[in-house]
Amino acid sequence: MKIALLAIYLLFSLNSVAERIEINGNAIKQPKIWQEQGVAKGILVDIMNHIGKDMGIQFNHNLFPWKRAYHRSQTGHGGIVGISITEERLKIFDYSEVLYYDEVILVVKKGNEFNFEKFEDLEGKIIGVCRACAYGRDYIEAKQFFTPEEDNNSVQRLKKLKIGRIDAAIINPGEAALIHGIEKDSSLSIGDFSILPKRITSDPNYLAFAKKLKRKGFIEKFNRALKDAHKSGVINDIINRY
């Protein structure tokens, strides 16, 4: 009798433990995704956790500088969230449906605004961008017209913009990311900058796994849960909280 009860207990315990999946991401992309005192936070984290709860899965979020997060995922050490699509990446990763649209804006120093209606208007400009980041297919088209000046985070970018080392800075996601960047450094102020009316792009962000992990079946299940979350309005509510 005791053996039978122990077997039932062990079976219940095993079934009650959610599957754990390692997910890499960017540690410094407020409010989309970031790490604070060792805790993963942000829009994408909340979306993933909601879907994980629906699927009976626990996502373990491992956040790093983007280049390291990308390398870990590319080599098969977990999935990656917040990734955009490029032709090169499509050869490496299997992608989910869109989780979130990342507004990629162009910020200039106050008083140095210029007309930006088409990518050709960026001709000859030096524009600050994130090192090793991709901002989607529109960005690839735009990049042929300007000289990119790479850095590791938005604070570095905004400081260079303020002293005139660059003509503009690409910031994402949207105005909220600009405000978060400014709040990190007391030498910066919202009054130092202007956002140009036209955005660079609205870049779809995805969950992806290296093809070598053979996660297509999981991604199909994930997409169904993601569709339900979009339909119910949960994802829109999460975005609006930020």
C-alpha atoms as a PDB file:
ATOM      1  CA  MET A   1       0.000   0.000   0.000  1.00  0.00           C
ATOM      2  CA  LYS A   2       2.816   2.390   0.916  1.00  0.00           C
ATOM      3  CA  ILE A   3       4.619   1.616  -2.340  1.00  0.00           C
ATOM      4  CA  ALA A   4       1.447   2.330  -4.313  1.00  0.00           C
ATOM      5  CA  LEU A   5       0.936   5.653  -2.527  1.00  0.00           C
ATOM      6  CA  LEU A   6       4.584   6.587  -3.117  1.00  0.00           C
ATOM      7  CA  ALA A   7       4.226   5.797  -6.830  1.00  0.00           C
ATOM      8  CA  ILE A   8       1.093   7.984  -7.054  1.00  0.00           C
ATOM      9  CA  TYR A   9       2.885  10.800  -5.214  1.00  0.00           C
ATOM     10  CA  LEU A  10       5.910  10.620  -7.508  1.00  0.00           C
ATOM     11  CA  LEU A  11       3.692  10.569 -10.605  1.00  0.00           C
ATOM     12  CA  PHE A  12       1.769  13.618  -9.368  1.00  0.00           C
ATOM     13  CA  SER A  13       5.007  15.440  -8.517  1.00  0.00           C
ATOM     14  CA  LEU A  14       6.524  14.791 -11.934  1.00  0.00           C
ATOM     15  CA  ASN A  15       3.379  15.949 -13.729  1.00  0.00           C
ATOM     16  CA  SER A  16       3.125  19.101 -11.631  1.00  0.00           C
ATOM     17  CA  VAL A  17       6.614  20.308 -12.589  1.00  0.00           C
ATOM     18  CA  ALA A  18       6.325  22.616 -15.588  1.00  0.00           C
ATOM     19  CA  GLU A  19       8.668  22.144 -18.502  1.00  0.00           C
ATOM     20  CA  ARG A  20      11.484  24.696 -18.265  1.00  0.00           C
ATOM     21  CA  ILE A  21      12.824  26.371 -21.378  1.00  0.00           C
ATOM     22  CA  GLU A  22      15.814  28.689 -21.410  1.00  0.00           C
ATOM     23  CA  ILE A  23      15.216  31.996 -23.215  1.00  0.00           C
ATOM     24  CA  ASN A  24      17.936  34.570 -23.930  1.00  0.00           C
ATOM     25  CA  GLY A  25      17.299  38.270 -24.392  1.00  0.00           C
ATOM     26  CA  ASN A  26      18.699  41.786 -24.228  1.00  0.00           C
ATOM     27  CA  ALA A  27      19.416  43.037 -20.701  1.00  0.00           C
ATOM     28  CA  ILE A  28      19.157  46.755 -21.570  1.00  0.00           C
ATOM     29  CA  LYS A  29      16.116  47.456 -23.768  1.00  0.00           C
ATOM     30  CA  GLN A  30      13.665  49.214 -21.451  1.00  0.00           C
ATOM     31  CA  PRO A  31      10.681  49.013 -21.512  1.00  0.00           C
ATOM     32  CA  LYS A  32      10.715  46.086 -23.939  1.00  0.00           C
ATOM     33  CA  ILE A  33      13.045  43.865 -21.921  1.00  0.00           C
ATOM     34  CA  TRP A  34      15.701  44.477 -19.280  1.00  0.00           C
ATOM     35  CA  GLN A  35      17.276  43.151 -16.119  1.00  0.00           C
ATOM     36  CA  GLU A  36      17.046  44.885 -12.774  1.00  0.00           C
ATOM     37  CA  GLN A  37      18.866  43.475  -9.734  1.00  0.00           C
ATOM     38  CA  GLY A  38      18.973  40.082 -11.388  1.00  0.00           C
ATOM     39  CA  VAL A  39      15.252  40.059 -12.268  1.00  0.00           C
ATOM     40  CA  ALA A  40      14.033  39.994 -15.881  1.00  0.00           C
ATOM     41  CA  LYS A  41      11.381  42.637 -16.590  1.00  0.00           C
ATOM     42  CA  GLY A  42       9.558  44.228 -19.471  1.00  0.00           C
ATOM     43  CA  ILE A  43       6.868  43.839 -22.107  1.00  0.00           C
ATOM     44  CA  LEU A  44       8.382  40.761 -23.730  1.00  0.00           C
ATOM     45  CA  VAL A  45       9.027  39.068 -20.390  1.00  0.00           C
ATOM     46  CA  ASP A  46       5.398  39.601 -19.327  1.00  0.00           C
ATOM     47  CA  ILE A  47       4.104  38.323 -22.673  1.00  0.00           C
ATOM     48  CA  MET A  48       6.302  35.233 -22.490  1.00  0.00           C
ATOM     49  CA  ASN A  49       5.310  34.516 -18.890  1.00  0.00           C
ATOM     50  CA  HIS A  50       1.605  34.806 -19.721  1.00  0.00           C
ATOM     51  CA  ILE A  51       1.913  32.399 -22.635  1.00  0.00           C
ATOM     52  CA  GLY A  52       4.087  30.066 -20.574  1.00  0.00           C
ATOM     53  CA  LYS A  53       1.396  29.909 -17.907  1.00  0.00           C
ATOM     54  CA  ASP A  54      -1.208  29.003 -20.530  1.00  0.00           C
ATOM     55  CA  MET A  55       1.055  26.296 -21.953  1.00  0.00           C
ATOM     56  CA  GLY A  56       2.161  24.901 -18.598  1.00  0.00           C
ATOM     57  CA  ILE A  57       5.754  25.943 -19.317  1.00  0.00           C
ATOM     58  CA  GLN A  58       8.229  27.935 -17.270  1.00  0.00           C
ATOM     59  CA  PHE A  59      10.435  30.230 -19.310  1.00  0.00           C
ATOM     60  CA  ASN A  60      13.768  30.967 -17.633  1.00  0.00           C
ATOM     61  CA  HIS A  61      14.867  34.390 -18.883  1.00  0.00           C
ATOM     62  CA  ASN A  62      18.632  34.838 -19.244  1.00  0.00           C
ATOM     63  CA  LEU A  63      19.406  38.437 -20.151  1.00  0.00           C
ATOM     64  CA  PHE A  64      22.770  39.652 -21.448  1.00  0.00           C
ATOM     65  CA  PRO A  65      24.217  42.329 -23.708  1.00  0.00           C
ATOM     66  CA  TRP A  66      22.615  41.641 -27.089  1.00  0.00           C
ATOM     67  CA  LYS A  67      25.716  40.261 -28.816  1.00  0.00           C
ATOM     68  CA  ARG A  68      26.152  37.598 -26.121  1.00  0.00           C
ATOM     69  CA  ALA A  69      22.426  36.753 -26.024  1.00  0.00           C
ATOM     70  CA  TYR A  70      22.450  36.313 -29.794  1.00  0.00           C
ATOM     71  CA  HIS A  71      25.580  34.143 -29.760  1.00  0.00           C
ATOM     72  CA  ARG A  72      24.176  31.847 -27.063  1.00  0.00           C
ATOM     73  CA  SER A  73      20.979  31.356 -29.054  1.00  0.00           C
ATOM     74  CA  GLN A  74      22.761  30.949 -32.379  1.00  0.00           C
ATOM     75  CA  THR A  75      24.847  28.142 -30.896  1.00  0.00           C
ATOM     76  CA  GLY A  76      21.782  26.383 -29.469  1.00  0.00           C
ATOM     77  CA  HIS A  77      21.957  27.447 -25.813  1.00  0.00           C
ATOM     78  CA  GLY A  78      18.264  28.318 -25.490  1.00  0.00           C
ATOM     79  CA  GLY A  79      15.818  30.364 -27.538  1.00  0.00           C
ATOM     80  CA  ILE A  80      15.871  34.115 -28.007  1.00  0.00           C
ATOM     81  CA  VAL A  81      13.115  36.686 -27.592  1.00  0.00           C
ATOM     82  CA  GLY A  82      12.978  40.189 -29.058  1.00  0.00           C
ATOM     83  CA  ILE A  83      14.715  39.163 -32.269  1.00  0.00           C
ATOM     84  CA  SER A  84      13.837  40.640 -35.656  1.00  0.00           C
ATOM     85  CA  ILE A  85      14.069  38.956 -39.046  1.00  0.00           C
ATOM     86  CA  THR A  86      16.889  39.274 -41.558  1.00  0.00           C
ATOM     87  CA  GLU A  87      17.632  37.041 -44.525  1.00  0.00           C
ATOM     88  CA  GLU A  88      20.782  35.789 -42.788  1.00  0.00           C
ATOM     89  CA  ARG A  89      18.934  34.955 -39.578  1.00  0.00           C
ATOM     90  CA  LEU A  90      16.239  33.018 -41.445  1.00  0.00           C
ATOM     91  CA  LYS A  91      18.945  30.517 -42.370  1.00  0.00           C
ATOM     92  CA  ILE A  92      19.818  30.018 -38.691  1.00  0.00           C
ATOM     93  CA  PHE A  93      16.557  30.314 -36.732  1.00  0.00           C
ATOM     94  CA  ASP A  94      12.973  29.064 -36.744  1.00  0.00           C
ATOM     95  CA  TYR A  95      10.639  31.939 -35.844  1.00  0.00           C
ATOM     96  CA  SER A  96       7.338  32.285 -34.010  1.00  0.00           C
ATOM     97  CA  GLU A  97       4.583  34.661 -35.072  1.00  0.00           C
ATOM     98  CA  VAL A  98       4.982  38.323 -34.051  1.00  0.00           C
ATOM     99  CA  LEU A  99       4.980  38.986 -30.302  1.00  0.00           C
ATOM    100  CA  TYR A 100       5.407  42.755 -30.369  1.00  0.00           C
ATOM    101  CA  TYR A 101       6.041  45.625 -32.780  1.00  0.00           C
ATOM    102  CA  ASP A 102       9.109  47.627 -31.853  1.00  0.00           C
ATOM    103  CA  GLU A 103       8.836  51.319 -32.769  1.00  0.00           C
ATOM    104  CA  VAL A 104      12.270  52.377 -34.061  1.00  0.00           C
ATOM    105  CA  ILE A 105      12.544  56.167 -33.875  1.00  0.00           C
ATOM    106  CA  LEU A 106      15.111  58.763 -34.895  1.00  0.00           C
ATOM    107  CA  VAL A 107      16.219  61.211 -32.194  1.00  0.00           C
ATOM    108  CA  VAL A 108      18.210  64.425 -32.806  1.00  0.00           C
ATOM    109  CA  LYS A 109      19.668  67.127 -30.628  1.00  0.00           C
ATOM    110  CA  LYS A 110      17.152  69.930 -29.968  1.00  0.00           C
ATOM    111  CA  GLY A 111      17.663  72.632 -32.587  1.00  0.00           C
ATOM    112  CA  ASN A 112      19.308  70.231 -35.070  1.00  0.00           C
ATOM    113  CA  GLU A 113      16.111  68.835 -36.553  1.00  0.00           C
ATOM    114  CA  PHE A 114      16.157  67.987 -40.254  1.00  0.00           C
ATOM    115  CA  ASN A 115      13.599  66.894 -42.829  1.00  0.00           C
ATOM    116  CA  PHE A 116      13.187  63.122 -42.844  1.00  0.00           C
ATOM    117  CA  GLU A 117      10.494  61.843 -45.169  1.00  0.00           C
ATOM    118  CA  LYS A 118      12.380  59.116 -47.028  1.00  0.00           C
ATOM    119  CA  PHE A 119      15.552  57.145 -46.405  1.00  0.00           C
ATOM    120  CA  GLU A 120      17.447  59.199 -48.987  1.00  0.00           C
ATOM    121  CA  ASP A 121      17.115  62.161 -46.585  1.00  0.00           C
ATOM    122  CA  LEU A 122      19.665  60.403 -44.350  1.00  0.00           C
ATOM    123  CA  GLU A 123      22.360  60.720 -47.020  1.00  0.00           C
ATOM    124  CA  GLY A 124      25.689  61.755 -45.463  1.00  0.00           C
ATOM    125  CA  LYS A 125      24.437  61.615 -41.857  1.00  0.00           C
ATOM    126  CA  ILE A 126      26.295  59.889 -39.018  1.00  0.00           C
ATOM    127  CA  ILE A 127      23.720  57.974 -37.010  1.00  0.00           C
ATOM    128  CA  GLY A 128      24.207  56.193 -33.692  1.00  0.00           C
ATOM    129  CA  VAL A 129      23.049  52.573 -33.641  1.00  0.00           C
ATOM    130  CA  CYS A 130      23.237  49.587 -31.327  1.00  0.00           C
ATOM    131  CA  ARG A 131      26.213  47.305 -31.952  1.00  0.00           C
ATOM    132  CA  ALA A 132      25.164  43.891 -33.342  1.00  0.00           C
ATOM    133  CA  CYS A 133      21.470  44.896 -33.440  1.00  0.00           C
ATOM    134  CA  ALA A 134      19.200  44.505 -36.453  1.00  0.00           C
ATOM    135  CA  TYR A 135      16.092  46.665 -36.736  1.00  0.00           C
ATOM    136  CA  GLY A 136      14.304  44.764 -39.495  1.00  0.00           C
ATOM    137  CA  ARG A 137      14.252  44.917 -43.266  1.00  0.00           C
ATOM    138  CA  ASP A 138      13.416  48.628 -43.567  1.00  0.00           C
ATOM    139  CA  TYR A 139      16.521  49.446 -41.551  1.00  0.00           C
ATOM    140  CA  ILE A 140      18.692  47.421 -43.921  1.00  0.00           C
ATOM    141  CA  GLU A 141      17.373  49.551 -46.777  1.00  0.00           C
ATOM    142  CA  ALA A 142      17.908  52.794 -44.831  1.00  0.00           C
ATOM    143  CA  LYS A 143      21.460  51.873 -43.773  1.00  0.00           C
ATOM    144  CA  GLN A 144      22.847  52.286 -47.283  1.00  0.00           C
ATOM    145  CA  PHE A 145      22.324  56.058 -47.035  1.00  0.00           C
ATOM    146  CA  PHE A 146      24.079  56.885 -43.740  1.00  0.00           C
ATOM    147  CA  THR A 147      27.210  56.073 -41.761  1.00  0.00           C
ATOM    148  CA  PRO A 148      26.425  53.990 -38.644  1.00  0.00           C
ATOM    149  CA  GLU A 149      28.251  54.851 -35.407  1.00  0.00           C
ATOM    150  CA  GLU A 150      28.004  51.799 -33.126  1.00  0.00           C
ATOM    151  CA  ASP A 151      27.770  51.676 -29.335  1.00  0.00           C
ATOM    152  CA  ASN A 152      26.557  49.369 -26.586  1.00  0.00           C
ATOM    153  CA  ASN A 153      23.503  51.188 -25.252  1.00  0.00           C
ATOM    154  CA  SER A 154      21.180  54.167 -25.643  1.00  0.00           C
ATOM    155  CA  VAL A 155      22.914  56.232 -22.933  1.00  0.00           C
ATOM    156  CA  GLN A 156      26.202  56.179 -24.849  1.00  0.00           C
ATOM    157  CA  ARG A 157      24.289  57.087 -28.009  1.00  0.00           C
ATOM    158  CA  LEU A 158      22.458  60.018 -26.453  1.00  0.00           C
ATOM    159  CA  LYS A 159      25.620  61.415 -24.870  1.00  0.00           C
ATOM    160  CA  LYS A 160      27.357  61.378 -28.262  1.00  0.00           C
ATOM    161  CA  LEU A 161      24.311  63.043 -29.784  1.00  0.00           C
ATOM    162  CA  LYS A 162      24.278  65.767 -27.145  1.00  0.00           C
ATOM    163  CA  ILE A 163      27.916  66.754 -27.786  1.00  0.00           C
ATOM    164  CA  GLY A 164      27.505  66.633 -31.562  1.00  0.00           C
ATOM    165  CA  ARG A 165      29.538  63.518 -32.396  1.00  0.00           C
ATOM    166  CA  ILE A 166      26.588  62.103 -34.340  1.00  0.00           C
ATOM    167  CA  ASP A 167      23.738  63.698 -36.288  1.00  0.00           C
ATOM    168  CA  ALA A 168      20.972  61.439 -34.975  1.00  0.00           C
ATOM    169  CA  ALA A 169      20.404  58.361 -32.843  1.00  0.00           C
ATOM    170  CA  ILE A 170      18.243  55.343 -33.488  1.00  0.00           C
ATOM    171  CA  ILE A 171      16.298  54.515 -30.324  1.00  0.00           C
ATOM    172  CA  ASN A 172      13.872  51.692 -29.671  1.00  0.00           C
ATOM    173  CA  PRO A 173      11.256  50.878 -28.581  1.00  0.00           C
ATOM    174  CA  GLY A 174       9.758  54.319 -29.078  1.00  0.00           C
ATOM    175  CA  GLU A 175       9.604  57.360 -26.810  1.00  0.00           C
ATOM    176  CA  ALA A 176       9.461  55.173 -23.687  1.00  0.00           C
ATOM    177  CA  ALA A 177      12.969  53.875 -24.483  1.00  0.00           C
ATOM    178  CA  LEU A 178      14.228  57.445 -24.929  1.00  0.00           C
ATOM    179  CA  ILE A 179      12.856  58.426 -21.521  1.00  0.00           C
ATOM    180  CA  HIS A 180      14.367  55.331 -19.864  1.00  0.00           C
ATOM    181  CA  GLY A 181      17.756  56.145 -21.383  1.00  0.00           C
ATOM    182  CA  ILE A 182      17.639  59.742 -20.184  1.00  0.00           C
ATOM    183  CA  GLU A 183      16.651  58.694 -16.664  1.00  0.00           C
ATOM    184  CA  LYS A 184      19.819  56.572 -16.393  1.00  0.00           C
ATOM    185  CA  ASP A 185      22.211  59.517 -16.675  1.00  0.00           C
ATOM    186  CA  SER A 186      21.903  62.820 -14.798  1.00  0.00           C
ATOM    187  CA  SER A 187      23.773  64.683 -17.553  1.00  0.00           C
ATOM    188  CA  LEU A 188      20.881  64.048 -19.955  1.00  0.00           C
ATOM    189  CA  SER A 189      17.518  65.811 -20.095  1.00  0.00           C
ATOM    190  CA  ILE A 190      14.418  65.296 -22.214  1.00  0.00           C
ATOM    191  CA  GLY A 191      14.771  68.953 -23.235  1.00  0.00           C
ATOM    192  CA  ASP A 192      18.080  68.145 -24.960  1.00  0.00           C
ATOM    193  CA  PHE A 193      16.422  66.099 -27.699  1.00  0.00           C
ATOM    194  CA  SER A 194      13.712  65.975 -30.336  1.00  0.00           C
ATOM    195  CA  ILE A 195      12.036  62.969 -31.937  1.00  0.00           C
ATOM    196  CA  LEU A 196      11.637  63.273 -35.705  1.00  0.00           C
ATOM    197  CA  PRO A 197       8.003  62.705 -36.763  1.00  0.00           C
ATOM    198  CA  LYS A 198       8.716  59.834 -39.153  1.00  0.00           C
ATOM    199  CA  ARG A 199       9.969  56.630 -37.562  1.00  0.00           C
ATOM    200  CA  ILE A 200      12.623  54.439 -39.144  1.00  0.00           C
ATOM    201  CA  THR A 201      10.357  51.405 -38.962  1.00  0.00           C
ATOM    202  CA  SER A 202       7.912  49.432 -36.878  1.00  0.00           C
ATOM    203  CA  ASP A 203      10.012  46.309 -36.405  1.00  0.00           C
ATOM    204  CA  PRO A 204       8.224  43.038 -35.581  1.00  0.00           C
ATOM    205  CA  ASN A 205       9.835  41.110 -32.720  1.00  0.00           C
ATOM    206  CA  TYR A 206       9.696  37.333 -32.410  1.00  0.00           C
ATOM    207  CA  LEU A 207      10.660  34.306 -30.357  1.00  0.00           C
ATOM    208  CA  ALA A 208      13.156  32.120 -32.223  1.00  0.00           C
ATOM    209  CA  PHE A 209      15.172  28.935 -31.781  1.00  0.00           C
ATOM    210  CA  ALA A 210      18.243  27.781 -33.671  1.00  0.00           C
ATOM    211  CA  LYS A 211      17.202  25.250 -36.320  1.00  0.00           C
ATOM    212  CA  LYS A 212      19.569  22.697 -34.783  1.00  0.00           C
ATOM    213  CA  LEU A 213      17.266  22.545 -31.712  1.00  0.00           C
ATOM    214  CA  LYS A 214      14.361  21.242 -33.858  1.00  0.00           C
ATOM    215  CA  ARG A 215      11.726  23.311 -32.052  1.00  0.00           C
ATOM    216  CA  LYS A 216       9.214  23.719 -34.901  1.00  0.00           C
ATOM    217  CA  GLY A 217       6.588  21.619 -33.110  1.00  0.00           C
ATOM    218  CA  PHE A 218       6.929  23.696 -29.966  1.00  0.00           C
ATOM    219  CA  ILE A 219       6.718  26.927 -31.973  1.00  0.00           C
ATOM    220  CA  GLU A 220       3.427  25.793 -33.528  1.00  0.00           C
ATOM    221  CA  LYS A 221       1.947  25.264 -30.042  1.00  0.00           C
ATOM    222  CA  PHE A 222       3.401  28.574 -28.886  1.00  0.00           C
ATOM    223  CA  ASN A 223       1.820  30.354 -31.857  1.00  0.00           C
ATOM    224  CA  ARG A 224      -1.612  29.012 -30.964  1.00  0.00           C
ATOM    225  CA  ALA A 225      -1.293  30.323 -27.401  1.00  0.00           C
ATOM    226  CA  LEU A 226       0.067  33.624 -28.736  1.00  0.00           C
ATOM    227  CA  LYS A 227      -2.911  33.990 -31.095  1.00  0.00           C
ATOM    228  CA  ASP A 228      -5.312  33.429 -28.184  1.00  0.00           C
ATOM    229  CA  ALA A 229      -3.456  36.063 -26.105  1.00  0.00           C
ATOM    230  CA  HIS A 230      -3.697  38.604 -28.935  1.00  0.00           C
ATOM    231  CA  LYS A 231      -7.375  37.821 -29.488  1.00  0.00           C
ATOM    232  CA  SER A 232      -8.261  38.166 -25.808  1.00  0.00           C
ATOM    233  CA  GLY A 233      -6.545  41.554 -25.548  1.00  0.00           C
ATOM    234  CA  VAL A 234      -4.054  40.379 -22.917  1.00  0.00           C
ATOM    235  CA  ILE A 235      -1.016  41.390 -24.968  1.00  0.00           C
ATOM    236  CA  ASN A 236      -2.430  44.836 -25.661  1.00  0.00           C
ATOM    237  CA  ASP A 237      -3.071  45.252 -21.919  1.00  0.00           C
ATOM    238  CA  ILE A 238       0.534  44.289 -21.126  1.00  0.00           C
ATOM    239  CA  ILE A 239       1.876  46.829 -23.636  1.00  0.00           C
ATOM    240  CA  ASN A 240      -0.389  49.564 -22.281  1.00  0.00           C
ATOM    241  CA  ARG A 241       0.946  49.008 -18.740  1.00  0.00           C
ATOM    242  CA  TYR A 242       4.319  50.279 -19.911  1.00  0.00           C
END
